[in-house]
Amino acid sequence: MRGHDLVPEAPAGAARAGAVAAAVADAAVADADAVVTMLPAGRHVLGLYGTALDLYGTALPAARPGTLFAD
């Protein structure tokens, strides 16, 4: 499992449990079969899923065709 978080310190806990921390969201979704996001607000979802001009990367173009996204 790979993960990325808006809070820079958060992936450390997941890494202790066996996850791989990704520096950007794009890297977290590459080669994934499914992507689960738990973002704080709709603007974050739109930024991650639909805009190339956001702070979090653009997840959809980085994903393989057929990747399941759930927020």
PDB file of N, CA and C in Angstrom:
ATOM      1  N   MET A   1       0.828  -1.161   0.000  1.00  0.00           N
ATOM      2  CA  MET A   1       0.000   0.000   0.000  1.00  0.00           C
ATOM      3  C   MET A   1       0.880   1.234   0.000  1.00  0.00           C
ATOM      4  N   ARG A   2       0.497   2.204  -0.826  1.00  0.00           N
ATOM      5  CA  ARG A   2       1.184   3.494  -0.850  1.00  0.00           C
ATOM      6  C   ARG A   2       0.223   4.556  -0.373  1.00  0.00           C
ATOM      7  N   GLY A   3       0.762   5.600   0.239  1.00  0.00           N
ATOM      8  CA  GLY A   3      -0.104   6.663   0.722  1.00  0.00           C
ATOM      9  C   GLY A   3       0.544   8.023   0.623  1.00  0.00           C
ATOM     10  N   HIS A   4      -0.315   9.018   0.636  1.00  0.00           N
ATOM     11  CA  HIS A   4       0.106  10.416   0.643  1.00  0.00           C
ATOM     12  C   HIS A   4      -0.866  11.166   1.529  1.00  0.00           C
ATOM     13  N   ASP A   5      -0.398  12.201   2.202  1.00  0.00           N
ATOM     14  CA  ASP A   5      -1.267  12.960   3.092  1.00  0.00           C
ATOM     15  C   ASP A   5      -0.998  14.443   2.955  1.00  0.00           C
ATOM     16  N   LEU A   6      -2.043  15.245   3.174  1.00  0.00           N
ATOM     17  CA  LEU A   6      -1.892  16.697   3.167  1.00  0.00           C
ATOM     18  C   LEU A   6      -1.043  17.173   4.343  1.00  0.00           C
ATOM     19  N   VAL A   7      -1.027  16.393   5.415  1.00  0.00           N
ATOM     20  CA  VAL A   7      -0.226  16.707   6.593  1.00  0.00           C
ATOM     21  C   VAL A   7       1.102  15.958   6.460  1.00  0.00           C
ATOM     22  N   PRO A   8       2.200  16.674   6.290  1.00  0.00           N
ATOM     23  CA  PRO A   8       3.481  16.016   6.007  1.00  0.00           C
ATOM     24  C   PRO A   8       3.913  14.964   7.030  1.00  0.00           C
ATOM     25  N   GLU A   9       3.528  15.119   8.294  1.00  0.00           N
ATOM     26  CA  GLU A   9       3.954  14.175   9.337  1.00  0.00           C
ATOM     27  C   GLU A   9       3.135  12.886   9.349  1.00  0.00           C
ATOM     28  N   ALA A  10       1.967  12.903   8.766  1.00  0.00           N
ATOM     29  CA  ALA A  10       1.041  11.770   8.861  1.00  0.00           C
ATOM     30  C   ALA A  10       1.553  10.468   8.244  1.00  0.00           C
ATOM     31  N   PRO A  11       2.224  10.484   7.100  1.00  0.00           N
ATOM     32  CA  PRO A  11       2.661   9.212   6.516  1.00  0.00           C
ATOM     33  C   PRO A  11       3.642   8.408   7.377  1.00  0.00           C
ATOM     34  N   ALA A  12       4.300   9.049   8.318  1.00  0.00           N
ATOM     35  CA  ALA A  12       5.253   8.322   9.162  1.00  0.00           C
ATOM     36  C   ALA A  12       4.564   7.212   9.945  1.00  0.00           C
ATOM     37  N   GLY A  13       3.379   7.478  10.476  1.00  0.00           N
ATOM     38  CA  GLY A  13       2.642   6.449  11.204  1.00  0.00           C
ATOM     39  C   GLY A  13       2.227   5.304  10.309  1.00  0.00           C
ATOM     40  N   ALA A  14       1.778   5.613   9.125  1.00  0.00           N
ATOM     41  CA  ALA A  14       1.397   4.571   8.178  1.00  0.00           C
ATOM     42  C   ALA A  14       2.612   3.762   7.747  1.00  0.00           C
ATOM     43  N   ALA A  15       3.739   4.417   7.609  1.00  0.00           N
ATOM     44  CA  ALA A  15       4.963   3.710   7.219  1.00  0.00           C
ATOM     45  C   ALA A  15       5.379   2.710   8.297  1.00  0.00           C
ATOM     46  N   ARG A  16       5.179   3.059   9.552  1.00  0.00           N
ATOM     47  CA  ARG A  16       5.496   2.116  10.640  1.00  0.00           C
ATOM     48  C   ARG A  16       4.609   0.882  10.570  1.00  0.00           C
ATOM     49  N   ALA A  17       3.428   1.016   9.954  1.00  0.00           N
ATOM     50  CA  ALA A  17       2.506  -0.110   9.817  1.00  0.00           C
ATOM     51  C   ALA A  17       2.698  -0.853   8.497  1.00  0.00           C
ATOM     52  N   GLY A  18       3.706  -0.437   7.705  1.00  0.00           N
ATOM     53  CA  GLY A  18       4.020  -1.158   6.480  1.00  0.00           C
ATOM     54  C   GLY A  18       3.683  -0.445   5.183  1.00  0.00           C
ATOM     55  N   ALA A  19       3.065   0.716   5.246  1.00  0.00           N
ATOM     56  CA  ALA A  19       2.742   1.466   4.024  1.00  0.00           C
ATOM     57  C   ALA A  19       3.996   2.168   3.504  1.00  0.00           C
ATOM     58  N   VAL A  20       3.969   2.491   2.242  1.00  0.00           N
ATOM     59  CA  VAL A  20       5.048   3.250   1.616  1.00  0.00           C
ATOM     60  C   VAL A  20       4.550   4.674   1.435  1.00  0.00           C
ATOM     61  N   ALA A  21       5.277   5.635   1.986  1.00  0.00           N
ATOM     62  CA  ALA A  21       4.879   7.039   1.860  1.00  0.00           C
ATOM     63  C   ALA A  21       5.285   7.562   0.492  1.00  0.00           C
ATOM     64  N   ALA A  22       4.338   8.201  -0.184  1.00  0.00           N
ATOM     65  CA  ALA A  22       4.605   8.817  -1.483  1.00  0.00           C
ATOM     66  C   ALA A  22       4.742  10.319  -1.291  1.00  0.00           C
ATOM     67  N   ALA A  23       5.731  10.916  -1.934  1.00  0.00           N
ATOM     68  CA  ALA A  23       5.978  12.350  -1.785  1.00  0.00           C
ATOM     69  C   ALA A  23       4.842  13.183  -2.375  1.00  0.00           C
ATOM     70  N   VAL A  24       4.212  12.694  -3.424  1.00  0.00           N
ATOM     71  CA  VAL A  24       3.092  13.390  -4.057  1.00  0.00           C
ATOM     72  C   VAL A  24       1.982  12.389  -4.338  1.00  0.00           C
ATOM     73  N   ALA A  25       0.764  12.896  -4.473  1.00  0.00           N
ATOM     74  CA  ALA A  25      -0.390  12.026  -4.698  1.00  0.00           C
ATOM     75  C   ALA A  25      -0.256  11.221  -5.982  1.00  0.00           C
ATOM     76  N   ASP A  26       0.324  11.816  -7.019  1.00  0.00           N
ATOM     77  CA  ASP A  26       0.489  11.110  -8.292  1.00  0.00           C
ATOM     78  C   ASP A  26       1.228   9.788  -8.090  1.00  0.00           C
ATOM     79  N   ALA A  27       2.279   9.826  -7.296  1.00  0.00           N
ATOM     80  CA  ALA A  27       3.072   8.623  -7.047  1.00  0.00           C
ATOM     81  C   ALA A  27       2.285   7.597  -6.243  1.00  0.00           C
ATOM     82  N   ALA A  28       1.384   8.060  -5.390  1.00  0.00           N
ATOM     83  CA  ALA A  28       0.586   7.134  -4.585  1.00  0.00           C
ATOM     84  C   ALA A  28      -0.414   6.360  -5.429  1.00  0.00           C
ATOM     85  N   VAL A  29      -0.915   6.952  -6.521  1.00  0.00           N
ATOM     86  CA  VAL A  29      -1.932   6.272  -7.323  1.00  0.00           C
ATOM     87  C   VAL A  29      -1.361   5.473  -8.490  1.00  0.00           C
ATOM     88  N   ALA A  30      -0.129   5.744  -8.867  1.00  0.00           N
ATOM     89  CA  ALA A  30       0.471   5.026  -9.995  1.00  0.00           C
ATOM     90  C   ALA A  30       0.462   3.522  -9.712  1.00  0.00           C
ATOM     91  N   ASP A  31      -0.011   2.752 -10.651  1.00  0.00           N
ATOM     92  CA  ASP A  31      -0.071   1.286 -10.563  1.00  0.00           C
ATOM     93  C   ASP A  31      -1.076   0.749  -9.548  1.00  0.00           C
ATOM     94  N   ALA A  32      -1.920   1.604  -8.991  1.00  0.00           N
ATOM     95  CA  ALA A  32      -2.921   1.141  -8.023  1.00  0.00           C
ATOM     96  C   ALA A  32      -4.151   0.596  -8.745  1.00  0.00           C
ATOM     97  N   ASP A  33      -4.768  -0.411  -8.164  1.00  0.00           N
ATOM     98  CA  ASP A  33      -6.042  -0.920  -8.668  1.00  0.00           C
ATOM     99  C   ASP A  33      -7.198  -0.081  -8.130  1.00  0.00           C
ATOM    100  N   ALA A  34      -7.036   0.415  -6.911  1.00  0.00           N
ATOM    101  CA  ALA A  34      -8.064   1.231  -6.270  1.00  0.00           C
ATOM    102  C   ALA A  34      -7.392   2.342  -5.474  1.00  0.00           C
ATOM    103  N   VAL A  35      -8.072   3.483  -5.419  1.00  0.00           N
ATOM    104  CA  VAL A  35      -7.570   4.645  -4.679  1.00  0.00           C
ATOM    105  C   VAL A  35      -8.682   5.112  -3.752  1.00  0.00           C
ATOM    106  N   VAL A  36      -8.382   5.185  -2.466  1.00  0.00           N
ATOM    107  CA  VAL A  36      -9.336   5.671  -1.484  1.00  0.00           C
ATOM    108  C   VAL A  36      -8.788   6.976  -0.929  1.00  0.00           C
ATOM    109  N   THR A  37      -9.581   8.037  -1.029  1.00  0.00           N
ATOM    110  CA  THR A  37      -9.179   9.315  -0.461  1.00  0.00           C
ATOM    111  C   THR A  37     -10.127   9.694   0.658  1.00  0.00           C
ATOM    112  N   MET A  38      -9.605  10.380   1.635  1.00  0.00           N
ATOM    113  CA  MET A  38     -10.388  10.919   2.750  1.00  0.00           C
ATOM    114  C   MET A  38      -9.926  12.351   2.940  1.00  0.00           C
ATOM    115  N   LEU A  39     -10.413  13.199   2.068  1.00  0.00           N
ATOM    116  CA  LEU A  39      -9.959  14.580   2.039  1.00  0.00           C
ATOM    117  C   LEU A  39     -10.869  15.469   2.879  1.00  0.00           C
ATOM    118  N   PRO A  40     -10.321  16.580   3.406  1.00  0.00           N
ATOM    119  CA  PRO A  40     -11.082  17.392   4.347  1.00  0.00           C
ATOM    120  C   PRO A  40     -12.253  18.172   3.750  1.00  0.00           C
ATOM    121  N   ALA A  41     -12.215  18.491   2.465  1.00  0.00           N
ATOM    122  CA  ALA A  41     -13.296  19.296   1.882  1.00  0.00           C
ATOM    123  C   ALA A  41     -13.397  19.023   0.389  1.00  0.00           C
ATOM    124  N   GLY A  42     -14.562  19.370  -0.174  1.00  0.00           N
ATOM    125  CA  GLY A  42     -14.794  19.158  -1.597  1.00  0.00           C
ATOM    126  C   GLY A  42     -13.756  19.828  -2.478  1.00  0.00           C
ATOM    127  N   ARG A  43     -13.258  20.973  -2.061  1.00  0.00           N
ATOM    128  CA  ARG A  43     -12.240  21.658  -2.871  1.00  0.00           C
ATOM    129  C   ARG A  43     -10.974  20.831  -3.000  1.00  0.00           C
ATOM    130  N   HIS A  44     -10.670  20.041  -1.971  1.00  0.00           N
ATOM    131  CA  HIS A  44      -9.500  19.170  -2.050  1.00  0.00           C
ATOM    132  C   HIS A  44      -9.732  18.021  -3.031  1.00  0.00           C
ATOM    133  N   VAL A  45     -10.953  17.472  -3.018  1.00  0.00           N
ATOM    134  CA  VAL A  45     -11.297  16.397  -3.952  1.00  0.00           C
ATOM    135  C   VAL A  45     -11.198  16.914  -5.382  1.00  0.00           C
ATOM    136  N   LEU A  46     -11.800  18.072  -5.639  1.00  0.00           N
ATOM    137  CA  LEU A  46     -11.740  18.647  -6.982  1.00  0.00           C
ATOM    138  C   LEU A  46     -10.307  18.961  -7.386  1.00  0.00           C
ATOM    139  N   GLY A  47      -9.525  19.448  -6.467  1.00  0.00           N
ATOM    140  CA  GLY A  47      -8.131  19.747  -6.761  1.00  0.00           C
ATOM    141  C   GLY A  47      -7.326  18.512  -7.092  1.00  0.00           C
ATOM    142  N   LEU A  48      -7.558  17.454  -6.359  1.00  0.00           N
ATOM    143  CA  LEU A  48      -6.813  16.222  -6.586  1.00  0.00           C
ATOM    144  C   LEU A  48      -7.287  15.487  -7.823  1.00  0.00           C
ATOM    145  N   TYR A  49      -8.587  15.412  -8.007  1.00  0.00           N
ATOM    146  CA  TYR A  49      -9.129  14.629  -9.104  1.00  0.00           C
ATOM    147  C   TYR A  49      -9.215  15.385 -10.420  1.00  0.00           C
ATOM    148  N   GLY A  50      -9.320  16.740 -10.351  1.00  0.00           N
ATOM    149  CA  GLY A  50      -9.665  17.405 -11.580  1.00  0.00           C
ATOM    150  C   GLY A  50      -8.868  18.589 -12.041  1.00  0.00           C
ATOM    151  N   THR A  51      -7.848  19.017 -11.355  1.00  0.00           N
ATOM    152  CA  THR A  51      -7.143  20.227 -11.732  1.00  0.00           C
ATOM    153  C   THR A  51      -5.642  20.001 -11.760  1.00  0.00           C
ATOM    154  N   ALA A  52      -5.004  20.493 -12.763  1.00  0.00           N
ATOM    155  CA  ALA A  52      -3.548  20.374 -12.850  1.00  0.00           C
ATOM    156  C   ALA A  52      -2.848  21.498 -12.107  1.00  0.00           C
ATOM    157  N   LEU A  53      -3.597  22.486 -11.605  1.00  0.00           N
ATOM    158  CA  LEU A  53      -2.994  23.650 -10.959  1.00  0.00           C
ATOM    159  C   LEU A  53      -3.202  23.644  -9.449  1.00  0.00           C
ATOM    160  N   ASP A  54      -3.121  22.471  -8.826  1.00  0.00           N
ATOM    161  CA  ASP A  54      -3.328  22.401  -7.390  1.00  0.00           C
ATOM    162  C   ASP A  54      -2.026  22.056  -6.674  1.00  0.00           C
ATOM    163  N   LEU A  55      -2.082  22.063  -5.374  1.00  0.00           N
ATOM    164  CA  LEU A  55      -0.884  21.793  -4.574  1.00  0.00           C
ATOM    165  C   LEU A  55      -0.616  20.315  -4.373  1.00  0.00           C
ATOM    166  N   TYR A  56      -1.572  19.472  -4.703  1.00  0.00           N
ATOM    167  CA  TYR A  56      -1.483  18.071  -4.326  1.00  0.00           C
ATOM    168  C   TYR A  56      -1.133  17.139  -5.476  1.00  0.00           C
ATOM    169  N   GLY A  57      -0.978  17.658  -6.671  1.00  0.00           N
ATOM    170  CA  GLY A  57      -0.770  16.797  -7.828  1.00  0.00           C
ATOM    171  C   GLY A  57      -2.102  16.500  -8.488  1.00  0.00           C
ATOM    172  N   THR A  58      -2.077  15.817  -9.583  1.00  0.00           N
ATOM    173  CA  THR A  58      -3.302  15.461 -10.283  1.00  0.00           C
ATOM    174  C   THR A  58      -3.364  13.946 -10.381  1.00  0.00           C
ATOM    175  N   ALA A  59      -4.243  13.350  -9.630  1.00  0.00           N
ATOM    176  CA  ALA A  59      -4.286  11.906  -9.491  1.00  0.00           C
ATOM    177  C   ALA A  59      -4.839  11.185 -10.708  1.00  0.00           C
ATOM    178  N   LEU A  60      -5.875  11.719 -11.343  1.00  0.00           N
ATOM    179  CA  LEU A  60      -6.504  10.978 -12.433  1.00  0.00           C
ATOM    180  C   LEU A  60      -5.557  10.684 -13.596  1.00  0.00           C
ATOM    181  N   PRO A  61      -4.821  11.658 -14.115  1.00  0.00           N
ATOM    182  CA  PRO A  61      -3.905  11.328 -15.214  1.00  0.00           C
ATOM    183  C   PRO A  61      -2.791  10.363 -14.809  1.00  0.00           C
ATOM    184  N   ALA A  62      -2.448  10.321 -13.537  1.00  0.00           N
ATOM    185  CA  ALA A  62      -1.384   9.431 -13.074  1.00  0.00           C
ATOM    186  C   ALA A  62      -1.851   7.986 -12.929  1.00  0.00           C
ATOM    187  N   ALA A  63      -3.165   7.788 -12.873  1.00  0.00           N
ATOM    188  CA  ALA A  63      -3.719   6.455 -12.661  1.00  0.00           C
ATOM    189  C   ALA A  63      -3.836   5.671 -13.978  1.00  0.00           C
ATOM    190  N   ARG A  64      -3.807   4.367 -13.842  1.00  0.00           N
ATOM    191  CA  ARG A  64      -4.026   3.499 -15.001  1.00  0.00           C
ATOM    192  C   ARG A  64      -5.493   3.500 -15.380  1.00  0.00           C
ATOM    193  N   PRO A  65      -5.811   3.220 -16.620  1.00  0.00           N
ATOM    194  CA  PRO A  65      -7.221   3.072 -17.004  1.00  0.00           C
ATOM    195  C   PRO A  65      -7.884   1.979 -16.160  1.00  0.00           C
ATOM    196  N   GLY A  66      -9.089   2.237 -15.716  1.00  0.00           N
ATOM    197  CA  GLY A  66      -9.827   1.262 -14.915  1.00  0.00           C
ATOM    198  C   GLY A  66      -9.599   1.356 -13.424  1.00  0.00           C
ATOM    199  N   THR A  67      -8.751   2.249 -12.970  1.00  0.00           N
ATOM    200  CA  THR A  67      -8.511   2.409 -11.529  1.00  0.00           C
ATOM    201  C   THR A  67      -9.786   2.925 -10.872  1.00  0.00           C
ATOM    202  N   LEU A  68     -10.176   2.310  -9.778  1.00  0.00           N
ATOM    203  CA  LEU A  68     -11.355   2.722  -9.015  1.00  0.00           C
ATOM    204  C   LEU A  68     -10.956   3.829  -8.051  1.00  0.00           C
ATOM    205  N   PHE A  69     -11.684   4.948  -8.078  1.00  0.00           N
ATOM    206  CA  PHE A  69     -11.472   6.054  -7.136  1.00  0.00           C
ATOM    207  C   PHE A  69     -12.686   6.159  -6.222  1.00  0.00           C
ATOM    208  N   ALA A  70     -12.459   6.296  -4.926  1.00  0.00           N
ATOM    209  CA  ALA A  70     -13.550   6.479  -3.956  1.00  0.00           C
ATOM    210  C   ALA A  70     -13.118   7.509  -2.931  1.00  0.00           C
ATOM    211  N   ASP A  71     -14.013   8.459  -2.664  1.00  0.00           N
ATOM    212  CA  ASP A  71     -13.731   9.447  -1.617  1.00  0.00           C
ATOM    213  C   ASP A  71     -14.887   9.440  -0.647  1.00  0.00           C
TER     214      ASP A  71
END
